[in-house]
Amino acid sequence: MCKKLKLLIRKLQTCCVFTRFCKRVEDYGEFEEEGNGATIVPSDVKEGHVAVIAVKGERAVRFVLELQELYKPEFRKLLEQAREEFGFQRRGPLTILCQPEELQKILQESRKG
């Protein structure tokens, strides 16, 4: 029971940090109609790119990545953790659980090689 409570508290804390981060972001760009609903596409997310938010503790930093980055093994591990934490039904930017510096390091190393 204690493990489940700790997991619930951790998920709530992560969601609170993410919500506060989203409220600080002002420029969401334009709406694009797709199917029955509208999605927000920020103006800095070009075709072939995706917005990703790295969240750990009280820090949340937004990155714009090329779609190819999502196929790298290091990033796939982070995506699996995000799936376990948030599930697939989450709306908005892709959110991963890691220090922003950790994601920055992964991106720099993958761009070198």
PDB file of N, CA and C in Angstrom:
ATOM      1  N   MET A   1       0.827  -1.200   0.000  1.00  0.00           N
ATOM      2  CA  MET A   1       0.000   0.000   0.000  1.00  0.00           C
ATOM      3  C   MET A   1       0.863   1.253   0.000  1.00  0.00           C
ATOM      4  N   CYS A   2       1.937   1.227   0.771  1.00  0.00           N
ATOM      5  CA  CYS A   2       2.826   2.381   0.867  1.00  0.00           C
ATOM      6  C   CYS A   2       3.482   2.679  -0.481  1.00  0.00           C
ATOM      7  N   LYS A   3       3.851   1.621  -1.241  1.00  0.00           N
ATOM      8  CA  LYS A   3       4.455   1.812  -2.553  1.00  0.00           C
ATOM      9  C   LYS A   3       3.489   2.508  -3.502  1.00  0.00           C
ATOM     10  N   LYS A   4       2.224   2.088  -3.463  1.00  0.00           N
ATOM     11  CA  LYS A   4       1.213   2.687  -4.338  1.00  0.00           C
ATOM     12  C   LYS A   4       0.979   4.147  -3.982  1.00  0.00           C
ATOM     13  N   LEU A   5       0.994   4.455  -2.702  1.00  0.00           N
ATOM     14  CA  LEU A   5       0.806   5.831  -2.255  1.00  0.00           C
ATOM     15  C   LEU A   5       1.974   6.702  -2.704  1.00  0.00           C
ATOM     16  N   LYS A   6       3.188   6.185  -2.574  1.00  0.00           N
ATOM     17  CA  LYS A   6       4.369   6.936  -3.015  1.00  0.00           C
ATOM     18  C   LYS A   6       4.321   7.186  -4.516  1.00  0.00           C
ATOM     19  N   LEU A   7       3.912   6.177  -5.289  1.00  0.00           N
ATOM     20  CA  LEU A   7       3.801   6.327  -6.732  1.00  0.00           C
ATOM     21  C   LEU A   7       2.753   7.380  -7.087  1.00  0.00           C
ATOM     22  N   LEU A   8       1.619   7.353  -6.408  1.00  0.00           N
ATOM     23  CA  LEU A   8       0.566   8.338  -6.643  1.00  0.00           C
ATOM     24  C   LEU A   8       1.054   9.748  -6.321  1.00  0.00           C
ATOM     25  N   ILE A   9       1.737   9.910  -5.210  1.00  0.00           N
ATOM     26  CA  ILE A   9       2.266  11.223  -4.818  1.00  0.00           C
ATOM     27  C   ILE A   9       3.269  11.716  -5.851  1.00  0.00           C
ATOM     28  N   ARG A  10       4.145  10.823  -6.323  1.00  0.00           N
ATOM     29  CA  ARG A  10       5.137  11.217  -7.322  1.00  0.00           C
ATOM     30  C   ARG A  10       4.461  11.660  -8.614  1.00  0.00           C
ATOM     31  N   LYS A  11       3.430  10.940  -9.048  1.00  0.00           N
ATOM     32  CA  LYS A  11       2.709  11.316 -10.264  1.00  0.00           C
ATOM     33  C   LYS A  11       2.018  12.663 -10.101  1.00  0.00           C
ATOM     34  N   LEU A  12       1.418  12.892  -8.947  1.00  0.00           N
ATOM     35  CA  LEU A  12       0.756  14.176  -8.693  1.00  0.00           C
ATOM     36  C   LEU A  12       1.755  15.321  -8.686  1.00  0.00           C
ATOM     37  N   GLN A  13       2.910  15.117  -8.071  1.00  0.00           N
ATOM     38  CA  GLN A  13       3.943  16.155  -8.045  1.00  0.00           C
ATOM     39  C   GLN A  13       4.416  16.470  -9.454  1.00  0.00           C
ATOM     40  N   THR A  14       4.646  15.446 -10.264  1.00  0.00           N
ATOM     41  CA  THR A  14       5.093  15.648 -11.635  1.00  0.00           C
ATOM     42  C   THR A  14       4.045  16.400 -12.436  1.00  0.00           C
ATOM     43  N   CYS A  15       2.784  16.027 -12.280  1.00  0.00           N
ATOM     44  CA  CYS A  15       1.709  16.716 -12.999  1.00  0.00           C
ATOM     45  C   CYS A  15       1.598  18.175 -12.574  1.00  0.00           C
ATOM     46  N   CYS A  16       1.795  18.457 -11.296  1.00  0.00           N
ATOM     47  CA  CYS A  16       1.740  19.840 -10.804  1.00  0.00           C
ATOM     48  C   CYS A  16       2.856  20.675 -11.409  1.00  0.00           C
ATOM     49  N   VAL A  17       4.060  20.131 -11.463  1.00  0.00           N
ATOM     50  CA  VAL A  17       5.191  20.848 -12.067  1.00  0.00           C
ATOM     51  C   VAL A  17       4.898  21.102 -13.533  1.00  0.00           C
ATOM     52  N   PHE A  18       4.398  20.091 -14.241  1.00  0.00           N
ATOM     53  CA  PHE A  18       4.092  20.224 -15.655  1.00  0.00           C
ATOM     54  C   PHE A  18       3.013  21.274 -15.887  1.00  0.00           C
ATOM     55  N   THR A  19       1.977  21.282 -15.066  1.00  0.00           N
ATOM     56  CA  THR A  19       0.894  22.256 -15.202  1.00  0.00           C
ATOM     57  C   THR A  19       1.403  23.674 -14.991  1.00  0.00           C
ATOM     58  N   ARG A  20       2.235  23.874 -13.965  1.00  0.00           N
ATOM     59  CA  ARG A  20       2.800  25.212 -13.732  1.00  0.00           C
ATOM     60  C   ARG A  20       3.662  25.641 -14.903  1.00  0.00           C
ATOM     61  N   PHE A  21       4.419  24.713 -15.480  1.00  0.00           N
ATOM     62  CA  PHE A  21       5.266  25.038 -16.621  1.00  0.00           C
ATOM     63  C   PHE A  21       4.411  25.476 -17.803  1.00  0.00           C
ATOM     64  N   CYS A  22       3.339  24.746 -18.083  1.00  0.00           N
ATOM     65  CA  CYS A  22       2.477  25.074 -19.221  1.00  0.00           C
ATOM     66  C   CYS A  22       1.821  26.438 -19.063  1.00  0.00           C
ATOM     67  N   LYS A  23       1.483  26.818 -17.846  1.00  0.00           N
ATOM     68  CA  LYS A  23       0.868  28.123 -17.623  1.00  0.00           C
ATOM     69  C   LYS A  23       1.848  29.257 -17.909  1.00  0.00           C
ATOM     70  N   ARG A  24       3.164  28.987 -17.772  1.00  0.00           N
ATOM     71  CA  ARG A  24       4.165  30.022 -18.034  1.00  0.00           C
ATOM     72  C   ARG A  24       4.413  30.222 -19.516  1.00  0.00           C
ATOM     73  N   VAL A  25       4.096  29.224 -20.318  1.00  0.00           N
ATOM     74  CA  VAL A  25       4.336  29.317 -21.754  1.00  0.00           C
ATOM     75  C   VAL A  25       3.215  30.137 -22.376  1.00  0.00           C
ATOM     76  N   GLU A  26       3.568  31.240 -23.007  1.00  0.00           N
ATOM     77  CA  GLU A  26       2.547  32.139 -23.543  1.00  0.00           C
ATOM     78  C   GLU A  26       2.315  31.955 -25.037  1.00  0.00           C
ATOM     79  N   ASP A  27       3.366  31.734 -25.805  1.00  0.00           N
ATOM     80  CA  ASP A  27       3.228  31.676 -27.255  1.00  0.00           C
ATOM     81  C   ASP A  27       2.999  30.238 -27.706  1.00  0.00           C
ATOM     82  N   TYR A  28       1.732  29.874 -27.891  1.00  0.00           N
ATOM     83  CA  TYR A  28       1.409  28.521 -28.327  1.00  0.00           C
ATOM     84  C   TYR A  28       1.268  28.416 -29.842  1.00  0.00           C
ATOM     85  N   GLY A  29       1.371  29.508 -30.564  1.00  0.00           N
ATOM     86  CA  GLY A  29       1.270  29.435 -32.013  1.00  0.00           C
ATOM     87  C   GLY A  29      -0.169  29.377 -32.489  1.00  0.00           C
ATOM     88  N   GLU A  30      -0.355  28.704 -33.632  1.00  0.00           N
ATOM     89  CA  GLU A  30      -1.656  28.671 -34.282  1.00  0.00           C
ATOM     90  C   GLU A  30      -2.381  27.361 -34.004  1.00  0.00           C
ATOM     91  N   PHE A  31      -3.700  27.402 -34.218  1.00  0.00           N
ATOM     92  CA  PHE A  31      -4.498  26.180 -34.150  1.00  0.00           C
ATOM     93  C   PHE A  31      -4.524  25.549 -35.531  1.00  0.00           C
ATOM     94  N   GLU A  32      -4.409  24.237 -35.580  1.00  0.00           N
ATOM     95  CA  GLU A  32      -4.575  23.504 -36.825  1.00  0.00           C
ATOM     96  C   GLU A  32      -5.703  22.517 -36.623  1.00  0.00           C
ATOM     97  N   GLU A  33      -6.642  22.509 -37.547  1.00  0.00           N
ATOM     98  CA  GLU A  33      -7.771  21.584 -37.452  1.00  0.00           C
ATOM     99  C   GLU A  33      -7.330  20.200 -37.898  1.00  0.00           C
ATOM    100  N   GLU A  34      -7.617  19.214 -37.081  1.00  0.00           N
ATOM    101  CA  GLU A  34      -7.359  17.822 -37.433  1.00  0.00           C
ATOM    102  C   GLU A  34      -8.509  16.996 -36.893  1.00  0.00           C
ATOM    103  N   GLY A  35      -9.265  16.377 -37.761  1.00  0.00           N
ATOM    104  CA  GLY A  35     -10.372  15.544 -37.315  1.00  0.00           C
ATOM    105  C   GLY A  35     -11.441  16.370 -36.631  1.00  0.00           C
ATOM    106  N   ASN A  36     -11.874  15.911 -35.461  1.00  0.00           N
ATOM    107  CA  ASN A  36     -12.961  16.564 -34.735  1.00  0.00           C
ATOM    108  C   ASN A  36     -12.498  17.676 -33.809  1.00  0.00           C
ATOM    109  N   GLY A  37     -11.210  17.770 -33.511  1.00  0.00           N
ATOM    110  CA  GLY A  37     -10.746  18.760 -32.546  1.00  0.00           C
ATOM    111  C   GLY A  37      -9.618  19.593 -33.105  1.00  0.00           C
ATOM    112  N   ALA A  38      -9.265  20.615 -32.375  1.00  0.00           N
ATOM    113  CA  ALA A  38      -8.160  21.474 -32.776  1.00  0.00           C
ATOM    114  C   ALA A  38      -6.946  21.144 -31.920  1.00  0.00           C
ATOM    115  N   THR A  39      -5.773  21.185 -32.535  1.00  0.00           N
ATOM    116  CA  THR A  39      -4.539  20.995 -31.787  1.00  0.00           C
ATOM    117  C   THR A  39      -3.721  22.262 -31.881  1.00  0.00           C
ATOM    118  N   ILE A  40      -2.981  22.522 -30.845  1.00  0.00           N
ATOM    119  CA  ILE A  40      -2.141  23.709 -30.815  1.00  0.00           C
ATOM    120  C   ILE A  40      -0.759  23.321 -31.308  1.00  0.00           C
ATOM    121  N   VAL A  41      -0.278  24.033 -32.306  1.00  0.00           N
ATOM    122  CA  VAL A  41       1.059  23.794 -32.828  1.00  0.00           C
ATOM    123  C   VAL A  41       1.871  25.060 -32.605  1.00  0.00           C
ATOM    124  N   PRO A  42       2.836  25.016 -31.685  1.00  0.00           N
ATOM    125  CA  PRO A  42       3.653  26.204 -31.437  1.00  0.00           C
ATOM    126  C   PRO A  42       4.409  26.616 -32.699  1.00  0.00           C
ATOM    127  N   SER A  43       4.620  27.890 -32.856  1.00  0.00           N
ATOM    128  CA  SER A  43       5.250  28.407 -34.066  1.00  0.00           C
ATOM    129  C   SER A  43       6.697  27.951 -34.227  1.00  0.00           C
ATOM    130  N   ASP A  44       7.369  27.573 -33.140  1.00  0.00           N
ATOM    131  CA  ASP A  44       8.762  27.136 -33.268  1.00  0.00           C
ATOM    132  C   ASP A  44       8.901  25.639 -33.550  1.00  0.00           C
ATOM    133  N   VAL A  45       7.788  24.909 -33.616  1.00  0.00           N
ATOM    134  CA  VAL A  45       7.833  23.478 -33.929  1.00  0.00           C
ATOM    135  C   VAL A  45       7.546  23.326 -35.421  1.00  0.00           C
ATOM    136  N   LYS A  46       8.612  23.175 -36.183  1.00  0.00           N
ATOM    137  CA  LYS A  46       8.509  23.068 -37.638  1.00  0.00           C
ATOM    138  C   LYS A  46       8.151  21.639 -38.037  1.00  0.00           C
ATOM    139  N   GLU A  47       7.817  21.458 -39.302  1.00  0.00           N
ATOM    140  CA  GLU A  47       7.506  20.128 -39.814  1.00  0.00           C
ATOM    141  C   GLU A  47       8.702  19.203 -39.596  1.00  0.00           C
ATOM    142  N   GLY A  48       8.421  17.986 -39.126  1.00  0.00           N
ATOM    143  CA  GLY A  48       9.491  17.027 -38.861  1.00  0.00           C
ATOM    144  C   GLY A  48      10.107  17.170 -37.483  1.00  0.00           C
ATOM    145  N   HIS A  49       9.496  17.991 -36.629  1.00  0.00           N
ATOM    146  CA  HIS A  49       9.991  18.224 -35.271  1.00  0.00           C
ATOM    147  C   HIS A  49       8.870  17.976 -34.258  1.00  0.00           C
ATOM    148  N   VAL A  50       9.250  17.841 -33.000  1.00  0.00           N
ATOM    149  CA  VAL A  50       8.283  17.618 -31.928  1.00  0.00           C
ATOM    150  C   VAL A  50       8.747  18.364 -30.677  1.00  0.00           C
ATOM    151  N   ALA A  51       7.791  18.911 -29.930  1.00  0.00           N
ATOM    152  CA  ALA A  51       8.110  19.576 -28.661  1.00  0.00           C
ATOM    153  C   ALA A  51       8.168  18.520 -27.563  1.00  0.00           C
ATOM    154  N   VAL A  52       9.202  18.605 -26.742  1.00  0.00           N
ATOM    155  CA  VAL A  52       9.405  17.669 -25.636  1.00  0.00           C
ATOM    156  C   VAL A  52       9.710  18.481 -24.387  1.00  0.00           C
ATOM    157  N   ILE A  53       9.097  18.105 -23.269  1.00  0.00           N
ATOM    158  CA  ILE A  53       9.379  18.769 -22.001  1.00  0.00           C
ATOM    159  C   ILE A  53      10.081  17.771 -21.092  1.00  0.00           C
ATOM    160  N   ALA A  54      11.272  18.149 -20.631  1.00  0.00           N
ATOM    161  CA  ALA A  54      12.018  17.335 -19.671  1.00  0.00           C
ATOM    162  C   ALA A  54      11.680  17.852 -18.280  1.00  0.00           C
ATOM    163  N   VAL A  55      11.132  16.966 -17.432  1.00  0.00           N
ATOM    164  CA  VAL A  55      10.687  17.349 -16.089  1.00  0.00           C
ATOM    165  C   VAL A  55      11.358  16.457 -15.066  1.00  0.00           C
ATOM    166  N   LYS A  56      11.945  17.082 -14.066  1.00  0.00           N
ATOM    167  CA  LYS A  56      12.485  16.333 -12.928  1.00  0.00           C
ATOM    168  C   LYS A  56      12.446  17.259 -11.730  1.00  0.00           C
ATOM    169  N   GLY A  57      11.758  16.845 -10.676  1.00  0.00           N
ATOM    170  CA  GLY A  57      11.629  17.697  -9.494  1.00  0.00           C
ATOM    171  C   GLY A  57      10.860  18.956  -9.839  1.00  0.00           C
ATOM    172  N   GLU A  58      11.414  20.100  -9.504  1.00  0.00           N
ATOM    173  CA  GLU A  58      10.758  21.388  -9.759  1.00  0.00           C
ATOM    174  C   GLU A  58      11.138  21.992 -11.104  1.00  0.00           C
ATOM    175  N   ARG A  59      12.065  21.366 -11.838  1.00  0.00           N
ATOM    176  CA  ARG A  59      12.529  21.919 -13.113  1.00  0.00           C
ATOM    177  C   ARG A  59      11.820  21.296 -14.296  1.00  0.00           C
ATOM    178  N   ALA A  60      11.408  22.139 -15.219  1.00  0.00           N
ATOM    179  CA  ALA A  60      10.816  21.687 -16.477  1.00  0.00           C
ATOM    180  C   ALA A  60      11.363  22.576 -17.584  1.00  0.00           C
ATOM    181  N   VAL A  61      11.956  21.954 -18.601  1.00  0.00           N
ATOM    182  CA  VAL A  61      12.526  22.700 -19.720  1.00  0.00           C
ATOM    183  C   VAL A  61      11.978  22.114 -21.017  1.00  0.00           C
ATOM    184  N   ARG A  62      11.604  22.983 -21.936  1.00  0.00           N
ATOM    185  CA  ARG A  62      11.028  22.578 -23.220  1.00  0.00           C
ATOM    186  C   ARG A  62      12.121  22.537 -24.283  1.00  0.00           C
ATOM    187  N   PHE A  63      12.115  21.469 -25.070  1.00  0.00           N
ATOM    188  CA  PHE A  63      13.040  21.290 -26.184  1.00  0.00           C
ATOM    189  C   PHE A  63      12.225  21.069 -27.451  1.00  0.00           C
ATOM    190  N   VAL A  64      12.793  21.409 -28.600  1.00  0.00           N
ATOM    191  CA  VAL A  64      12.204  21.065 -29.890  1.00  0.00           C
ATOM    192  C   VAL A  64      13.202  20.138 -30.578  1.00  0.00           C
ATOM    193  N   LEU A  65      12.765  18.899 -30.843  1.00  0.00           N
ATOM    194  CA  LEU A  65      13.645  17.872 -31.393  1.00  0.00           C
ATOM    195  C   LEU A  65      13.210  17.463 -32.789  1.00  0.00           C
ATOM    196  N   GLU A  66      14.179  17.001 -33.583  1.00  0.00           N
ATOM    197  CA  GLU A  66      13.845  16.366 -34.847  1.00  0.00           C
ATOM    198  C   GLU A  66      13.226  15.008 -34.533  1.00  0.00           C
ATOM    199  N   LEU A  67      12.282  14.577 -35.350  1.00  0.00           N
ATOM    200  CA  LEU A  67      11.595  13.309 -35.098  1.00  0.00           C
ATOM    201  C   LEU A  67      12.556  12.125 -35.043  1.00  0.00           C
ATOM    202  N   GLN A  68      13.672  12.175 -35.794  1.00  0.00           N
ATOM    203  CA  GLN A  68      14.634  11.065 -35.788  1.00  0.00           C
ATOM    204  C   GLN A  68      15.214  10.821 -34.407  1.00  0.00           C
ATOM    205  N   GLU A  69      15.267  11.858 -33.571  1.00  0.00           N
ATOM    206  CA  GLU A  69      15.815  11.710 -32.218  1.00  0.00           C
ATOM    207  C   GLU A  69      15.001  10.705 -31.400  1.00  0.00           C
ATOM    208  N   LEU A  70      13.718  10.571 -31.699  1.00  0.00           N
ATOM    209  CA  LEU A  70      12.843   9.679 -30.934  1.00  0.00           C
ATOM    210  C   LEU A  70      13.201   8.207 -31.112  1.00  0.00           C
ATOM    211  N   TYR A  71      13.945   7.883 -32.159  1.00  0.00           N
ATOM    212  CA  TYR A  71      14.309   6.493 -32.434  1.00  0.00           C
ATOM    213  C   TYR A  71      15.612   6.066 -31.766  1.00  0.00           C
ATOM    214  N   LYS A  72      16.349   6.984 -31.205  1.00  0.00           N
ATOM    215  CA  LYS A  72      17.621   6.658 -30.545  1.00  0.00           C
ATOM    216  C   LYS A  72      17.349   5.833 -29.289  1.00  0.00           C
ATOM    217  N   PRO A  73      18.187   4.810 -29.003  1.00  0.00           N
ATOM    218  CA  PRO A  73      17.953   3.935 -27.836  1.00  0.00           C
ATOM    219  C   PRO A  73      17.854   4.697 -26.514  1.00  0.00           C
ATOM    220  N   GLU A  74      18.695   5.714 -26.331  1.00  0.00           N
ATOM    221  CA  GLU A  74      18.666   6.474 -25.079  1.00  0.00           C
ATOM    222  C   GLU A  74      17.331   7.190 -24.902  1.00  0.00           C
ATOM    223  N   PHE A  75      16.835   7.738 -26.003  1.00  0.00           N
ATOM    224  CA  PHE A  75      15.577   8.471 -25.936  1.00  0.00           C
ATOM    225  C   PHE A  75      14.399   7.513 -25.801  1.00  0.00           C
ATOM    226  N   ARG A  76      14.493   6.344 -26.443  1.00  0.00           N
ATOM    227  CA  ARG A  76      13.410   5.354 -26.338  1.00  0.00           C
ATOM    228  C   ARG A  76      13.231   4.897 -24.894  1.00  0.00           C
ATOM    229  N   LYS A  77      14.334   4.811 -24.149  1.00  0.00           N
ATOM    230  CA  LYS A  77      14.247   4.444 -22.729  1.00  0.00           C
ATOM    231  C   LYS A  77      13.465   5.516 -21.964  1.00  0.00           C
ATOM    232  N   LEU A  78      13.739   6.793 -22.269  1.00  0.00           N
ATOM    233  CA  LEU A  78      13.011   7.891 -21.626  1.00  0.00           C
ATOM    234  C   LEU A  78      11.530   7.872 -22.017  1.00  0.00           C
ATOM    235  N   LEU A  79      11.247   7.532 -23.272  1.00  0.00           N
ATOM    236  CA  LEU A  79       9.858   7.440 -23.723  1.00  0.00           C
ATOM    237  C   LEU A  79       9.109   6.329 -22.985  1.00  0.00           C
ATOM    238  N   GLU A  80       9.783   5.214 -22.750  1.00  0.00           N
ATOM    239  CA  GLU A  80       9.159   4.110 -22.017  1.00  0.00           C
ATOM    240  C   GLU A  80       8.820   4.543 -20.588  1.00  0.00           C
ATOM    241  N   GLN A  81       9.738   5.267 -19.949  1.00  0.00           N
ATOM    242  CA  GLN A  81       9.472   5.778 -18.600  1.00  0.00           C
ATOM    243  C   GLN A  81       8.278   6.732 -18.614  1.00  0.00           C
ATOM    244  N   ALA A  82       8.210   7.586 -19.640  1.00  0.00           N
ATOM    245  CA  ALA A  82       7.092   8.532 -19.752  1.00  0.00           C
ATOM    246  C   ALA A  82       5.776   7.782 -19.953  1.00  0.00           C
ATOM    247  N   ARG A  83       5.806   6.716 -20.748  1.00  0.00           N
ATOM    248  CA  ARG A  83       4.594   5.923 -20.965  1.00  0.00           C
ATOM    249  C   ARG A  83       4.112   5.302 -19.654  1.00  0.00           C
ATOM    250  N   GLU A  84       5.051   4.790 -18.863  1.00  0.00           N
ATOM    251  CA  GLU A  84       4.681   4.200 -17.579  1.00  0.00           C
ATOM    252  C   GLU A  84       4.106   5.247 -16.626  1.00  0.00           C
ATOM    253  N   GLU A  85       4.650   6.457 -16.682  1.00  0.00           N
ATOM    254  CA  GLU A  85       4.226   7.526 -15.767  1.00  0.00           C
ATOM    255  C   GLU A  85       2.910   8.173 -16.200  1.00  0.00           C
ATOM    256  N   PHE A  86       2.795   8.496 -17.489  1.00  0.00           N
ATOM    257  CA  PHE A  86       1.670   9.295 -17.971  1.00  0.00           C
ATOM    258  C   PHE A  86       0.685   8.531 -18.846  1.00  0.00           C
ATOM    259  N   GLY A  87       1.084   7.411 -19.417  1.00  0.00           N
ATOM    260  CA  GLY A  87       0.232   6.685 -20.354  1.00  0.00           C
ATOM    261  C   GLY A  87       0.272   7.329 -21.730  1.00  0.00           C
ATOM    262  N   PHE A  88      -0.558   6.825 -22.637  1.00  0.00           N
ATOM    263  CA  PHE A  88      -0.558   7.330 -24.010  1.00  0.00           C
ATOM    264  C   PHE A  88      -1.636   8.370 -24.262  1.00  0.00           C
ATOM    265  N   GLN A  89      -2.533   8.586 -23.334  1.00  0.00           N
ATOM    266  CA  GLN A  89      -3.664   9.477 -23.563  1.00  0.00           C
ATOM    267  C   GLN A  89      -3.377  10.923 -23.194  1.00  0.00           C
ATOM    268  N   ARG A  90      -2.159  11.241 -22.870  1.00  0.00           N
ATOM    269  CA  ARG A  90      -1.795  12.594 -22.449  1.00  0.00           C
ATOM    270  C   ARG A  90      -1.850  13.555 -23.633  1.00  0.00           C
ATOM    271  N   ARG A  91      -2.433  14.719 -23.424  1.00  0.00           N
ATOM    272  CA  ARG A  91      -2.497  15.755 -24.459  1.00  0.00           C
ATOM    273  C   ARG A  91      -1.378  16.757 -24.228  1.00  0.00           C
ATOM    274  N   GLY A  92      -1.016  17.471 -25.265  1.00  0.00           N
ATOM    275  CA  GLY A  92       0.017  18.485 -25.140  1.00  0.00           C
ATOM    276  C   GLY A  92       1.383  17.943 -25.499  1.00  0.00           C
ATOM    277  N   PRO A  93       2.409  18.688 -25.143  1.00  0.00           N
ATOM    278  CA  PRO A  93       3.767  18.276 -25.517  1.00  0.00           C
ATOM    279  C   PRO A  93       4.137  16.943 -24.873  1.00  0.00           C
ATOM    280  N   LEU A  94       5.014  16.242 -25.536  1.00  0.00           N
ATOM    281  CA  LEU A  94       5.549  15.000 -25.002  1.00  0.00           C
ATOM    282  C   LEU A  94       6.352  15.334 -23.753  1.00  0.00           C
ATOM    283  N   THR A  95       6.049  14.672 -22.646  1.00  0.00           N
ATOM    284  CA  THR A  95       6.711  14.947 -21.373  1.00  0.00           C
ATOM    285  C   THR A  95       7.516  13.733 -20.953  1.00  0.00           C
ATOM    286  N   ILE A  96       8.798  13.948 -20.657  1.00  0.00           N
ATOM    287  CA  ILE A  96       9.653  12.859 -20.200  1.00  0.00           C
ATOM    288  C   ILE A  96      10.212  13.199 -18.827  1.00  0.00           C
ATOM    289  N   LEU A  97      10.513  12.165 -18.061  1.00  0.00           N
ATOM    290  CA  LEU A  97      11.019  12.344 -16.704  1.00  0.00           C
ATOM    291  C   LEU A  97      12.533  12.217 -16.689  1.00  0.00           C
ATOM    292  N   CYS A  98      13.209  13.340 -16.785  1.00  0.00           N
ATOM    293  CA  CYS A  98      14.662  13.362 -16.653  1.00  0.00           C
ATOM    294  C   CYS A  98      15.097  14.804 -16.418  1.00  0.00           C
ATOM    295  N   GLN A  99      16.295  14.951 -15.899  1.00  0.00           N
ATOM    296  CA  GLN A  99      16.851  16.290 -15.742  1.00  0.00           C
ATOM    297  C   GLN A  99      17.019  16.903 -17.132  1.00  0.00           C
ATOM    298  N   PRO A 100      16.696  18.167 -17.317  1.00  0.00           N
ATOM    299  CA  PRO A 100      16.897  18.800 -18.619  1.00  0.00           C
ATOM    300  C   PRO A 100      18.342  18.668 -19.111  1.00  0.00           C
ATOM    301  N   GLU A 101      19.299  18.725 -18.187  1.00  0.00           N
ATOM    302  CA  GLU A 101      20.707  18.586 -18.572  1.00  0.00           C
ATOM    303  C   GLU A 101      20.994  17.185 -19.116  1.00  0.00           C
ATOM    304  N   GLU A 102      20.305  16.192 -18.576  1.00  0.00           N
ATOM    305  CA  GLU A 102      20.475  14.815 -19.051  1.00  0.00           C
ATOM    306  C   GLU A 102      20.003  14.692 -20.500  1.00  0.00           C
ATOM    307  N   LEU A 103      18.853  15.277 -20.806  1.00  0.00           N
ATOM    308  CA  LEU A 103      18.350  15.250 -22.179  1.00  0.00           C
ATOM    309  C   LEU A 103      19.280  16.028 -23.100  1.00  0.00           C
ATOM    310  N   GLN A 104      19.764  17.174 -22.648  1.00  0.00           N
ATOM    311  CA  GLN A 104      20.690  17.972 -23.451  1.00  0.00           C
ATOM    312  C   GLN A 104      21.943  17.160 -23.779  1.00  0.00           C
ATOM    313  N   LYS A 105      22.457  16.426 -22.813  1.00  0.00           N
ATOM    314  CA  LYS A 105      23.653  15.598 -23.014  1.00  0.00           C
ATOM    315  C   LYS A 105      23.375  14.487 -24.033  1.00  0.00           C
ATOM    316  N   ILE A 106      22.221  13.830 -23.916  1.00  0.00           N
ATOM    317  CA  ILE A 106      21.845  12.780 -24.866  1.00  0.00           C
ATOM    318  C   ILE A 106      21.782  13.344 -26.280  1.00  0.00           C
ATOM    319  N   LEU A 107      21.191  14.515 -26.426  1.00  0.00           N
ATOM    320  CA  LEU A 107      21.061  15.136 -27.744  1.00  0.00           C
ATOM    321  C   LEU A 107      22.419  15.519 -28.316  1.00  0.00           C
ATOM    322  N   GLN A 108      23.289  16.084 -27.487  1.00  0.00           N
ATOM    323  CA  GLN A 108      24.623  16.471 -27.953  1.00  0.00           C
ATOM    324  C   GLN A 108      25.429  15.258 -28.399  1.00  0.00           C
ATOM    325  N   GLU A 109      25.371  14.169 -27.627  1.00  0.00           N
ATOM    326  CA  GLU A 109      26.118  12.961 -27.974  1.00  0.00           C
ATOM    327  C   GLU A 109      25.588  12.326 -29.253  1.00  0.00           C
ATOM    328  N   SER A 110      24.272  12.335 -29.432  1.00  0.00           N
ATOM    329  CA  SER A 110      23.707  11.721 -30.636  1.00  0.00           C
ATOM    330  C   SER A 110      24.002  12.555 -31.880  1.00  0.00           C
ATOM    331  N   ARG A 111      24.149  13.841 -31.724  1.00  0.00           N
ATOM    332  CA  ARG A 111      24.447  14.707 -32.873  1.00  0.00           C
ATOM    333  C   ARG A 111      25.919  14.655 -33.262  1.00  0.00           C
ATOM    334  N   LYS A 112      26.784  14.272 -32.322  1.00  0.00           N
ATOM    335  CA  LYS A 112      28.214  14.114 -32.629  1.00  0.00           C
ATOM    336  C   LYS A 112      28.444  12.890 -33.505  1.00  0.00           C
ATOM    337  N   GLY A 113      27.779  11.790 -33.144  1.00  0.00           N
ATOM    338  CA  GLY A 113      28.041  10.514 -33.817  1.00  0.00           C
ATOM    339  C   GLY A 113      27.026  10.189 -34.774  1.00  0.00           C
TER     340      GLY A 113
END
